Structure formats: structure tokens, C-alpha cells
Amino acid sequence: MNPTMNTIDIVVSDMQASIAFYAHLGLEFKLDPHSPEHAGCDLPGGLHLMLDTEAFRTSFLPGWSAPTGGPRTLLCFEFDAPAGVDAKYAELVEAGYRGLAEPFDAFWGMRYATVADPDGNGIDLYTALPSS
């Protein structure tokens, strides 16, 4: 019997700041009625994305601490056209989020950009470049 990967959990330092950030990307998190330290968002295809505060995570995982350095995991959001990548990157940076890589045409045929969420997790914005 093989397990099914159906949930991604992101540990955050400020729940409300994270919910506000991900709202810019069209995600609507609902706080758990049993704990304001936990929120979830159902995604297309049956995937579930969770946010847990550092305090919530350390309550049942003794010794856990936030990683340091650059992001080890990146969430990737696909757009319909290069202009969508550019517009969303500009919106997020204008809203005060840190840009990690300005939009660029990657050698692998995509328009790509990366921003950081409030906890420094990488968020990739991308789309396939039109073929010429």
C-alpha cells in the first residue's frame, strides 16, 4: 500500500501576514475553528495547503526550529501569459514583499520570477514563453 501525498504544510511566523500574502495569489485560507495557529486551503486536484505557526509546530515536534539561509522549498504558480508573471511580481513587490528574482526569460523557455513570502519561502511565478 502506497501513501498519497495530498497536503503541503508551511510553517509561518505570523498567520495573518501569511494569509494576506497568499490572498494576492488567489488562495483563501480558513482558520481552524479549534486553533487560530492552523489554517488550510483546498487546491484544485485534491491538494491541500496548510499554514501552521511556529508555536503550533513546536508544540508537537519538540526541538523544531525555523531553518536559516535561503528557501529550501518553493511553491510555483503558473500564469497564462508572460504579462501575468510581470504584473503579479510588480503587485507583490509594490505591496512590500521582497523580490528575489525579477521577471526574466529563462533559457528553458519560460518567463520566470521569484518573490519571498513573509517568512522568506520562495514563491515562483512562471509561464511558458510563446513559441516564435
N, C-alpha and C. Protein backbone atom coordinates (compact mmCIF):
# COMPACT_ATOMS: atom_id res chain seq x y z
N MET A 1 0.84 -1.18 0.00
CA MET A 1 0.00 0.00 0.00
C MET A 1 0.88 1.24 0.00
N ASN A 2 0.70 2.10 -0.99
CA ASN A 2 1.48 3.33 -1.09
C ASN A 2 0.70 4.51 -0.54
N PRO A 3 1.39 5.40 0.18
CA PRO A 3 0.71 6.60 0.69
C PRO A 3 0.40 7.57 -0.44
N THR A 4 -0.54 8.46 -0.18
CA THR A 4 -0.91 9.51 -1.13
C THR A 4 -0.43 10.85 -0.60
N MET A 5 0.39 11.54 -1.36
CA MET A 5 0.82 12.89 -0.98
C MET A 5 -0.29 13.84 -1.39
N ASN A 6 -0.96 14.44 -0.40
CA ASN A 6 -2.09 15.31 -0.72
C ASN A 6 -2.09 16.62 0.05
N THR A 7 -1.04 16.86 0.86
CA THR A 7 -1.01 18.07 1.66
C THR A 7 0.41 18.61 1.74
N ILE A 8 0.52 19.92 1.68
CA ILE A 8 1.78 20.63 1.91
C ILE A 8 1.54 21.55 3.10
N ASP A 9 2.47 21.55 4.04
CA ASP A 9 2.35 22.35 5.26
C ASP A 9 3.50 23.34 5.30
N ILE A 10 3.18 24.61 5.45
CA ILE A 10 4.19 25.67 5.55
C ILE A 10 4.15 26.22 6.97
N VAL A 11 5.29 26.26 7.63
CA VAL A 11 5.38 26.84 8.97
C VAL A 11 5.62 28.34 8.82
N VAL A 12 4.79 29.13 9.51
CA VAL A 12 4.84 30.59 9.36
C VAL A 12 5.04 31.25 10.73
N SER A 13 5.60 32.43 10.71
CA SER A 13 5.79 33.15 11.97
C SER A 13 4.59 34.04 12.30
N ASP A 14 3.86 34.51 11.29
CA ASP A 14 2.72 35.40 11.50
C ASP A 14 1.57 34.92 10.61
N MET A 15 0.59 34.28 11.20
CA MET A 15 -0.51 33.68 10.45
C MET A 15 -1.24 34.72 9.58
N GLN A 16 -1.61 35.85 10.16
CA GLN A 16 -2.38 36.84 9.39
C GLN A 16 -1.57 37.43 8.24
N ALA A 17 -0.28 37.67 8.45
CA ALA A 17 0.57 38.19 7.37
C ALA A 17 0.66 37.17 6.24
N SER A 18 0.75 35.90 6.57
CA SER A 18 0.84 34.85 5.55
C SER A 18 -0.47 34.70 4.80
N ILE A 19 -1.58 34.73 5.51
CA ILE A 19 -2.89 34.65 4.85
C ILE A 19 -3.06 35.82 3.88
N ALA A 20 -2.65 37.01 4.30
CA ALA A 20 -2.76 38.20 3.43
C ALA A 20 -1.88 38.04 2.19
N PHE A 21 -0.66 37.53 2.36
CA PHE A 21 0.24 37.33 1.21
C PHE A 21 -0.38 36.36 0.21
N TYR A 22 -0.80 35.20 0.66
CA TYR A 22 -1.31 34.19 -0.25
C TYR A 22 -2.64 34.59 -0.88
N ALA A 23 -3.36 35.52 -0.27
CA ALA A 23 -4.58 36.05 -0.89
C ALA A 23 -4.24 36.77 -2.20
N HIS A 24 -3.05 37.39 -2.27
CA HIS A 24 -2.60 38.03 -3.52
C HIS A 24 -2.47 37.02 -4.65
N LEU A 25 -2.29 35.76 -4.31
CA LEU A 25 -2.14 34.71 -5.30
C LEU A 25 -3.42 33.90 -5.49
N GLY A 26 -4.52 34.42 -4.93
CA GLY A 26 -5.83 33.79 -5.13
C GLY A 26 -6.15 32.66 -4.18
N LEU A 27 -5.36 32.48 -3.13
CA LEU A 27 -5.62 31.39 -2.18
C LEU A 27 -6.40 31.93 -0.99
N GLU A 28 -7.44 31.21 -0.61
CA GLU A 28 -8.27 31.61 0.52
C GLU A 28 -8.13 30.60 1.64
N PHE A 29 -7.39 30.99 2.67
CA PHE A 29 -7.18 30.12 3.83
C PHE A 29 -8.30 30.31 4.83
N LYS A 30 -8.69 29.22 5.45
CA LYS A 30 -9.68 29.26 6.53
C LYS A 30 -8.97 28.82 7.81
N LEU A 31 -9.13 29.65 8.85
CA LEU A 31 -8.56 29.28 10.14
C LEU A 31 -9.29 28.09 10.71
N ASP A 32 -8.57 27.21 11.34
CA ASP A 32 -9.14 26.05 12.00
C ASP A 32 -9.97 26.53 13.19
N PRO A 33 -11.23 26.13 13.30
CA PRO A 33 -12.06 26.59 14.42
C PRO A 33 -11.53 26.13 15.78
N HIS A 34 -10.67 25.11 15.81
CA HIS A 34 -10.11 24.60 17.06
C HIS A 34 -8.80 25.27 17.42
N SER A 35 -8.15 25.95 16.44
CA SER A 35 -6.86 26.58 16.70
C SER A 35 -6.56 27.68 15.70
N PRO A 36 -6.41 28.92 16.17
CA PRO A 36 -6.04 30.02 15.26
C PRO A 36 -4.59 29.93 14.80
N GLU A 37 -3.89 28.90 15.25
CA GLU A 37 -2.49 28.69 14.88
C GLU A 37 -2.38 27.79 13.64
N HIS A 38 -3.52 27.39 13.06
CA HIS A 38 -3.56 26.46 11.94
C HIS A 38 -4.62 26.91 10.94
N ALA A 39 -4.27 26.92 9.65
CA ALA A 39 -5.22 27.29 8.60
C ALA A 39 -5.02 26.37 7.41
N GLY A 40 -6.07 26.23 6.61
CA GLY A 40 -6.00 25.36 5.44
C GLY A 40 -6.68 25.96 4.23
N CYS A 41 -6.25 25.47 3.06
CA CYS A 41 -6.80 25.92 1.79
C CYS A 41 -6.83 24.73 0.83
N ASP A 42 -8.01 24.41 0.31
CA ASP A 42 -8.12 23.33 -0.67
C ASP A 42 -7.75 23.87 -2.04
N LEU A 43 -6.93 23.10 -2.76
CA LEU A 43 -6.46 23.48 -4.09
C LEU A 43 -7.05 22.54 -5.13
N PRO A 44 -7.04 22.95 -6.39
CA PRO A 44 -7.55 22.06 -7.45
C PRO A 44 -6.78 20.74 -7.46
N GLY A 45 -7.44 19.69 -7.88
CA GLY A 45 -6.81 18.39 -7.99
C GLY A 45 -6.69 17.64 -6.68
N GLY A 46 -7.34 18.14 -5.62
CA GLY A 46 -7.34 17.43 -4.35
C GLY A 46 -6.18 17.75 -3.43
N LEU A 47 -5.31 18.67 -3.81
CA LEU A 47 -4.19 19.05 -2.95
C LEU A 47 -4.68 20.03 -1.88
N HIS A 48 -4.12 19.93 -0.69
CA HIS A 48 -4.48 20.81 0.43
C HIS A 48 -3.21 21.51 0.90
N LEU A 49 -3.28 22.80 1.10
CA LEU A 49 -2.15 23.59 1.58
C LEU A 49 -2.48 24.09 2.98
N MET A 50 -1.56 23.85 3.92
CA MET A 50 -1.78 24.26 5.31
C MET A 50 -0.74 25.29 5.73
N LEU A 51 -1.14 26.13 6.66
CA LEU A 51 -0.23 27.04 7.33
C LEU A 51 -0.30 26.72 8.82
N ASP A 52 0.86 26.55 9.44
CA ASP A 52 0.96 26.33 10.88
C ASP A 52 1.94 27.35 11.45
N THR A 53 1.59 27.95 12.57
CA THR A 53 2.53 28.87 13.19
C THR A 53 3.69 28.09 13.81
N GLU A 54 4.78 28.79 14.03
CA GLU A 54 5.94 28.17 14.68
C GLU A 54 5.55 27.59 16.04
N ALA A 55 4.73 28.33 16.80
CA ALA A 55 4.31 27.86 18.13
C ALA A 55 3.50 26.57 18.01
N PHE A 56 2.62 26.50 17.02
CA PHE A 56 1.81 25.30 16.82
C PHE A 56 2.70 24.11 16.48
N ARG A 57 3.65 24.31 15.57
CA ARG A 57 4.53 23.23 15.13
C ARG A 57 5.40 22.73 16.27
N THR A 58 5.96 23.62 17.06
CA THR A 58 6.86 23.19 18.14
C THR A 58 6.09 22.52 19.28
N SER A 59 4.77 22.72 19.36
CA SER A 59 4.00 22.11 20.44
C SER A 59 3.96 20.59 20.32
N PHE A 60 4.08 20.06 19.11
CA PHE A 60 4.06 18.60 18.95
C PHE A 60 5.28 18.06 18.24
N LEU A 61 6.25 18.91 17.96
CA LEU A 61 7.50 18.47 17.35
C LEU A 61 8.66 19.09 18.14
N PRO A 62 8.92 18.57 19.32
CA PRO A 62 9.96 19.13 20.18
C PRO A 62 11.30 19.25 19.47
N GLY A 63 11.95 20.38 19.69
CA GLY A 63 13.26 20.60 19.10
C GLY A 63 13.23 21.23 17.72
N TRP A 64 12.02 21.39 17.14
CA TRP A 64 11.95 22.01 15.82
C TRP A 64 12.37 23.46 15.92
N SER A 65 13.09 23.94 14.91
CA SER A 65 13.41 25.37 14.82
C SER A 65 13.36 25.77 13.36
N ALA A 66 13.09 27.04 13.14
CA ALA A 66 12.98 27.55 11.78
C ALA A 66 14.33 27.44 11.08
N PRO A 67 14.34 27.02 9.81
CA PRO A 67 15.61 26.93 9.08
C PRO A 67 16.18 28.32 8.80
N THR A 68 17.46 28.38 8.56
CA THR A 68 18.11 29.64 8.22
C THR A 68 18.68 29.54 6.81
N GLY A 69 19.00 30.68 6.25
CA GLY A 69 19.53 30.71 4.89
C GLY A 69 18.40 30.87 3.89
N GLY A 70 18.67 30.52 2.66
CA GLY A 70 17.68 30.67 1.59
C GLY A 70 16.59 29.64 1.64
N PRO A 71 15.55 29.84 0.82
CA PRO A 71 14.44 28.89 0.82
C PRO A 71 14.88 27.53 0.30
N ARG A 72 14.41 26.47 0.95
CA ARG A 72 14.71 25.12 0.50
C ARG A 72 13.57 24.57 -0.35
N THR A 73 12.40 25.13 -0.15
CA THR A 73 11.22 24.72 -0.90
C THR A 73 10.59 25.95 -1.50
N LEU A 74 10.12 25.81 -2.73
CA LEU A 74 9.45 26.92 -3.40
C LEU A 74 8.09 26.45 -3.89
N LEU A 75 7.08 27.26 -3.72
CA LEU A 75 5.77 26.99 -4.30
C LEU A 75 5.74 27.71 -5.64
N CYS A 76 5.20 27.05 -6.65
CA CYS A 76 5.24 27.60 -8.01
C CYS A 76 3.83 27.84 -8.52
N PHE A 77 3.60 29.05 -9.04
CA PHE A 77 2.29 29.45 -9.54
C PHE A 77 2.40 29.74 -11.03
N GLU A 78 1.61 29.02 -11.82
CA GLU A 78 1.63 29.16 -13.28
C GLU A 78 0.62 30.21 -13.74
N PHE A 79 1.02 31.01 -14.71
CA PHE A 79 0.16 32.04 -15.31
C PHE A 79 -0.10 31.69 -16.77
N ASP A 80 -1.11 32.36 -17.35
CA ASP A 80 -1.48 32.11 -18.74
C ASP A 80 -0.55 32.78 -19.74
N ALA A 81 0.10 33.88 -19.34
CA ALA A 81 0.92 34.66 -20.27
C ALA A 81 2.04 35.38 -19.52
N PRO A 82 3.12 35.73 -20.21
CA PRO A 82 4.23 36.44 -19.57
C PRO A 82 3.79 37.74 -18.86
N ALA A 83 2.81 38.43 -19.42
CA ALA A 83 2.35 39.68 -18.79
C ALA A 83 1.77 39.40 -17.41
N GLY A 84 1.18 38.23 -17.20
CA GLY A 84 0.65 37.87 -15.88
C GLY A 84 1.75 37.72 -14.85
N VAL A 85 2.87 37.12 -15.25
CA VAL A 85 4.02 36.98 -14.36
C VAL A 85 4.53 38.36 -13.96
N ASP A 86 4.71 39.22 -14.96
CA ASP A 86 5.24 40.56 -14.71
C ASP A 86 4.30 41.37 -13.81
N ALA A 87 3.01 41.29 -14.07
CA ALA A 87 2.03 42.06 -13.29
C ALA A 87 1.96 41.57 -11.85
N LYS A 88 1.96 40.26 -11.64
CA LYS A 88 1.87 39.73 -10.27
C LYS A 88 3.14 40.04 -9.50
N TYR A 89 4.30 39.92 -10.14
CA TYR A 89 5.56 40.27 -9.48
C TYR A 89 5.51 41.74 -9.05
N ALA A 90 5.12 42.64 -9.95
CA ALA A 90 5.04 44.07 -9.64
C ALA A 90 4.06 44.32 -8.50
N GLU A 91 2.91 43.65 -8.53
CA GLU A 91 1.91 43.82 -7.47
C GLU A 91 2.47 43.42 -6.11
N LEU A 92 3.14 42.28 -6.06
CA LEU A 92 3.66 41.79 -4.78
C LEU A 92 4.79 42.68 -4.25
N VAL A 93 5.69 43.09 -5.12
CA VAL A 93 6.79 43.97 -4.69
C VAL A 93 6.24 45.32 -4.25
N GLU A 94 5.27 45.84 -4.99
CA GLU A 94 4.64 47.11 -4.61
C GLU A 94 3.91 47.00 -3.28
N ALA A 95 3.39 45.81 -2.97
CA ALA A 95 2.70 45.58 -1.69
C ALA A 95 3.68 45.40 -0.53
N GLY A 96 4.99 45.43 -0.84
CA GLY A 96 6.00 45.37 0.21
C GLY A 96 6.70 44.02 0.38
N TYR A 97 6.38 43.06 -0.47
CA TYR A 97 7.04 41.75 -0.39
C TYR A 97 8.37 41.82 -1.13
N ARG A 98 9.33 41.02 -0.68
CA ARG A 98 10.69 41.07 -1.21
C ARG A 98 10.81 40.26 -2.50
N GLY A 99 11.27 40.93 -3.54
CA GLY A 99 11.55 40.24 -4.79
C GLY A 99 12.90 39.54 -4.70
N LEU A 100 12.93 38.27 -5.11
CA LEU A 100 14.18 37.51 -5.11
C LEU A 100 14.79 37.45 -6.50
N ALA A 101 13.96 37.40 -7.53
CA ALA A 101 14.42 37.40 -8.92
C ALA A 101 13.37 38.11 -9.76
N GLU A 102 13.76 39.24 -10.35
CA GLU A 102 12.84 39.98 -11.21
C GLU A 102 12.47 39.11 -12.41
N PRO A 103 11.32 39.39 -13.04
CA PRO A 103 10.91 38.59 -14.20
C PRO A 103 12.01 38.55 -15.27
N PHE A 104 12.23 37.32 -15.80
CA PHE A 104 13.23 37.15 -16.85
C PHE A 104 12.79 36.01 -17.76
N ASP A 105 13.31 36.02 -18.98
CA ASP A 105 13.05 34.94 -19.92
C ASP A 105 14.13 33.88 -19.73
N ALA A 106 13.75 32.74 -19.18
CA ALA A 106 14.71 31.69 -18.84
C ALA A 106 15.09 30.89 -20.09
N PHE A 107 16.27 30.35 -20.06
CA PHE A 107 16.77 29.58 -21.21
C PHE A 107 15.93 28.33 -21.47
N TRP A 108 15.16 27.88 -20.48
CA TRP A 108 14.33 26.68 -20.67
C TRP A 108 12.95 27.01 -21.25
N GLY A 109 12.78 28.28 -21.70
CA GLY A 109 11.56 28.64 -22.42
C GLY A 109 10.41 29.14 -21.59
N MET A 110 10.72 29.72 -20.42
CA MET A 110 9.66 30.23 -19.56
C MET A 110 9.98 31.65 -19.10
N ARG A 111 8.93 32.40 -18.86
CA ARG A 111 9.04 33.69 -18.17
C ARG A 111 8.98 33.33 -16.69
N TYR A 112 9.93 33.81 -15.90
CA TYR A 112 10.07 33.38 -14.52
C TYR A 112 10.37 34.55 -13.61
N ALA A 113 9.88 34.50 -12.40
CA ALA A 113 10.20 35.49 -11.36
C ALA A 113 10.02 34.79 -10.01
N THR A 114 10.67 35.32 -8.99
CA THR A 114 10.54 34.74 -7.65
C THR A 114 10.42 35.85 -6.62
N VAL A 115 9.46 35.70 -5.71
CA VAL A 115 9.29 36.60 -4.57
C VAL A 115 9.37 35.77 -3.30
N ALA A 116 9.52 36.45 -2.17
CA ALA A 116 9.54 35.76 -0.88
C ALA A 116 8.23 36.03 -0.16
N ASP A 117 7.67 35.00 0.47
CA ASP A 117 6.50 35.21 1.31
C ASP A 117 6.99 35.84 2.62
N PRO A 118 6.11 36.16 3.56
CA PRO A 118 6.54 36.84 4.78
C PRO A 118 7.61 36.09 5.59
N ASP A 119 7.73 34.77 5.40
CA ASP A 119 8.73 34.00 6.14
C ASP A 119 9.96 33.67 5.31
N GLY A 120 10.06 34.24 4.11
CA GLY A 120 11.22 34.01 3.26
C GLY A 120 11.13 32.80 2.36
N ASN A 121 9.98 32.11 2.37
CA ASN A 121 9.80 30.98 1.45
C ASN A 121 9.73 31.51 0.02
N GLY A 122 10.35 30.80 -0.89
CA GLY A 122 10.34 31.22 -2.29
C GLY A 122 9.01 30.92 -2.96
N ILE A 123 8.53 31.89 -3.71
CA ILE A 123 7.30 31.74 -4.48
C ILE A 123 7.66 32.04 -5.93
N ASP A 124 7.65 31.00 -6.78
CA ASP A 124 7.95 31.18 -8.20
C ASP A 124 6.68 31.54 -8.95
N LEU A 125 6.82 32.46 -9.88
CA LEU A 125 5.75 32.87 -10.79
C LEU A 125 6.27 32.53 -12.19
N TYR A 126 5.52 31.80 -13.00
CA TYR A 126 6.06 31.39 -14.28
C TYR A 126 4.98 31.15 -15.34
N THR A 127 5.41 31.14 -16.58
CA THR A 127 4.57 30.74 -17.70
C THR A 127 5.48 30.35 -18.86
N ALA A 128 4.97 29.52 -19.74
CA ALA A 128 5.73 29.18 -20.95
C ALA A 128 5.75 30.40 -21.87
N LEU A 129 6.92 30.62 -22.46
CA LEU A 129 7.04 31.71 -23.44
C LEU A 129 6.37 31.28 -24.75
N PRO A 130 5.75 32.23 -25.43
CA PRO A 130 5.15 31.87 -26.71
C PRO A 130 6.25 31.40 -27.68
N SER A 131 5.97 30.37 -28.48
CA SER A 131 6.97 29.92 -29.44
C SER A 131 6.98 30.88 -30.64
N SER A 132 8.18 31.09 -31.13
CA SER A 132 8.28 32.01 -32.27
C SER A 132 8.49 31.29 -33.56
